[in-house]
Protein backbone atom coordinates (compact mmCIF):
# COMPACT_ATOMS: atom_id res chain seq x y z
CA MET A 1 13.64 -31.64 28.72
CA SER A 2 15.37 -29.43 31.20
CA ASN A 3 12.81 -27.40 33.49
CA GLU A 4 13.82 -23.84 31.58
CA GLU A 5 12.32 -25.40 28.26
CA ASN A 6 8.68 -26.49 29.89
CA ASN A 7 8.52 -22.88 30.57
CA PHE A 8 8.33 -22.16 27.14
CA THR A 9 4.27 -23.19 26.17
CA HIS A 10 4.04 -21.42 22.99
CA TYR A 11 5.37 -21.25 19.74
CA LEU A 12 6.34 -17.62 18.13
CA VAL A 13 4.67 -18.46 14.70
CA SER A 14 4.40 -16.19 11.32
CA LYS A 15 3.83 -16.80 7.63
CA GLU A 16 3.65 -20.90 9.01
CA VAL A 17 7.40 -20.32 10.02
CA VAL A 18 8.22 -21.35 13.74
CA LEU A 19 10.38 -18.27 14.84
CA GLY A 20 10.63 -19.12 18.33
CA GLU A 21 9.33 -20.52 21.72
CA ALA A 22 7.24 -17.62 24.14
CA CYS A 23 6.11 -18.01 27.53
CA ILE A 24 3.49 -15.78 28.10
CA ILE A 25 3.28 -13.53 30.80
CA GLU A 26 0.49 -11.47 31.11
CA LYS A 27 -2.38 -10.77 28.34
CA CYS A 28 -2.92 -7.50 27.50
CA ASN A 29 -6.03 -7.25 25.82
CA GLU A 30 -7.64 -9.58 23.33
CA TRP A 31 -4.45 -8.56 20.44
CA ILE A 32 -1.71 -8.45 22.57
CA SER A 33 0.24 -10.80 25.30
CA LEU A 34 3.56 -9.60 27.32
CA ALA A 35 5.62 -12.64 26.84
CA PHE A 36 9.49 -13.90 27.76
CA ILE A 37 10.24 -15.21 24.08
CA LYS A 38 13.31 -17.29 22.77
CA LEU A 39 14.02 -17.18 19.00
CA GLY A 40 16.27 -19.37 17.27
CA ILE A 41 15.38 -22.98 18.52
CA GLY A 42 18.26 -25.00 18.81
CA ARG A 43 20.94 -22.41 18.18
CA PRO A 44 23.96 -21.61 20.13
CA ASP A 45 23.37 -18.11 19.47
CA ALA A 46 19.70 -17.83 20.45
CA VAL A 47 17.86 -14.82 21.77
CA SER A 48 16.10 -14.15 24.98
CA ASP A 49 14.15 -11.51 25.50
CA HIS A 50 10.94 -9.81 26.50
CA ALA A 51 8.42 -8.56 23.92
CA PHE A 52 4.61 -7.56 23.39
CA VAL A 53 3.54 -10.50 20.78
CA GLU A 54 0.40 -10.19 19.10
CA ASN A 55 -2.03 -13.03 19.85
CA HIS A 56 -2.84 -14.67 16.48
CA LEU A 57 0.95 -15.28 16.40
CA LEU A 58 1.52 -17.53 20.04
CA ILE A 59 0.21 -21.04 19.15
CA PRO A 60 0.08 -23.28 22.23
CA LYS A 61 2.51 -26.35 22.41
CA THR A 62 0.68 -29.47 22.29
CA PRO A 63 1.81 -33.10 24.02
CA ASN A 64 3.29 -35.62 21.90
């Protein structure tokens, strides 16, 4: 796993579908966090950007 991939500590999940990975930059309040996200995991056209994300959509990654 590359160093860049280690920075993504959460999965971005909606309706039981993994949309991408996230790294929380700042927890704004109990509902919203600012995060660096990568949508389209494993695809060559994956999109990376900053976004405000609802906290209930962020699922922590667990080590294997």
